[in-house]
Protein backbone atom coordinates (compact mmCIF):
# COMPACT_ATOMS: atom_id res chain seq x y z
CA MET A 1 0.00 0.00 0.00
CA ASP A 2 2.89 2.38 0.69
CA LYS A 3 4.06 1.95 -2.91
CA MET A 4 0.68 3.15 -4.18
CA TYR A 5 1.05 6.39 -2.23
CA ARG A 6 4.43 6.90 -3.92
CA VAL A 7 2.75 6.25 -7.28
CA MET A 8 0.07 8.84 -6.46
CA GLY A 9 2.87 11.22 -5.47
CA PHE A 10 4.56 10.63 -8.81
CA TRP A 11 1.40 11.36 -10.79
CA THR A 12 0.46 14.44 -8.79
CA GLY A 13 4.04 15.63 -9.38
CA ILE A 14 3.56 15.15 -13.13
CA PHE A 15 0.30 17.10 -12.98
CA SER A 16 2.02 19.83 -10.97
CA VAL A 17 4.64 20.28 -13.68
CA LEU A 18 2.01 20.26 -16.42
CA PHE A 19 -0.11 22.87 -14.62
CA TYR A 20 2.99 25.04 -14.16
CA VAL A 21 3.84 24.78 -17.87
CA GLY A 22 0.18 25.59 -18.64
CA HIS A 23 0.47 28.90 -16.71
CA MET A 24 -1.70 27.80 -13.77
CA PRO A 25 0.59 28.50 -10.77
CA LYS A 26 -2.03 28.18 -8.03
CA THR A 27 -3.16 24.76 -9.22
CA SER A 28 0.47 23.75 -9.67
CA LEU A 29 1.24 24.62 -6.04
CA LEU A 30 -1.82 22.71 -4.86
CA PHE A 31 -0.66 19.58 -6.68
CA LEU A 32 2.91 20.10 -5.48
CA ALA A 33 1.62 20.08 -1.89
CA GLN A 34 -0.32 16.89 -2.61
CA THR A 35 2.85 15.37 -4.08
CA GLY A 36 4.78 16.08 -0.90
CA PHE A 37 1.94 14.68 1.19
CA PHE A 38 1.73 11.44 -0.77
CA ILE A 39 5.50 10.91 -0.94
CA LEU A 40 5.81 11.51 2.82
CA LEU A 41 3.02 9.02 3.53
CA GLY A 42 4.63 6.52 1.18
CA TYR A 43 7.73 6.35 3.35
CA LEU A 44 6.05 6.26 6.77
CA LYS A 45 5.48 2.46 6.69
CA LEU A 46 2.03 2.63 8.25
CA SER A 47 -0.29 -0.34 8.47
CA GLU A 48 -2.59 -1.01 5.55
CA ARG A 49 -5.62 -0.10 7.64
CA MET A 50 -4.08 3.26 8.50
CA TYR A 51 -3.36 3.95 4.83
CA VAL A 52 -7.03 3.27 4.04
CA TYR A 53 -8.14 5.61 6.84
CA VAL A 54 -5.84 8.36 5.59
CA PHE A 55 -7.14 7.94 2.04
CA PHE A 56 -10.74 8.08 3.32
CA VAL A 57 -10.02 11.37 5.11
CA TYR A 58 -8.27 12.73 2.00
CA LEU A 59 -11.26 11.88 -0.21
CA THR A 60 -13.72 13.33 2.31
CA LEU A 61 -11.83 16.64 2.41
CA PHE A 62 -11.54 16.70 -1.38
CA PHE A 63 -15.24 16.10 -1.96
CA ALA A 64 -16.24 18.67 0.67
CA GLY A 65 -13.90 21.27 -0.86
CA PHE A 66 -14.96 20.46 -4.43
CA THR A 67 -18.66 20.66 -3.52
CA TYR A 68 -18.11 24.00 -1.76
CA TRP A 69 -16.17 25.37 -4.72
CA THR A 70 -18.67 24.29 -7.35
CA THR A 71 -21.66 25.46 -5.31
CA PHE A 72 -20.50 28.83 -4.00
CA MET A 73 -17.44 29.97 -5.94
CA MET A 74 -18.09 29.11 -9.59
CA PRO A 75 -20.11 31.56 -11.69
CA LEU A 76 -23.59 30.32 -12.61
CA ASN A 77 -23.21 30.82 -16.37
CA GLY A 78 -19.72 29.34 -16.64
CA PRO A 79 -16.50 31.26 -17.24
CA LEU A 80 -16.88 34.60 -18.94
């Protein structure tokens, strides 16, 4: 399970570079932070149950943030 967190760190790192090249610095920094988080977790050698709990908390925070953003922050008629 720890190897999968390193794989997620690798892919979020790739996305971070691509967002930076695409002139989206805020999104790039967000994915860079996620990369550091996943790589750090990948080397902690936690139990498999703990890795599942951490992933559950990560998904819960993501879905709460995404729902908040799409409900309250996005314009109703799309980007102008």
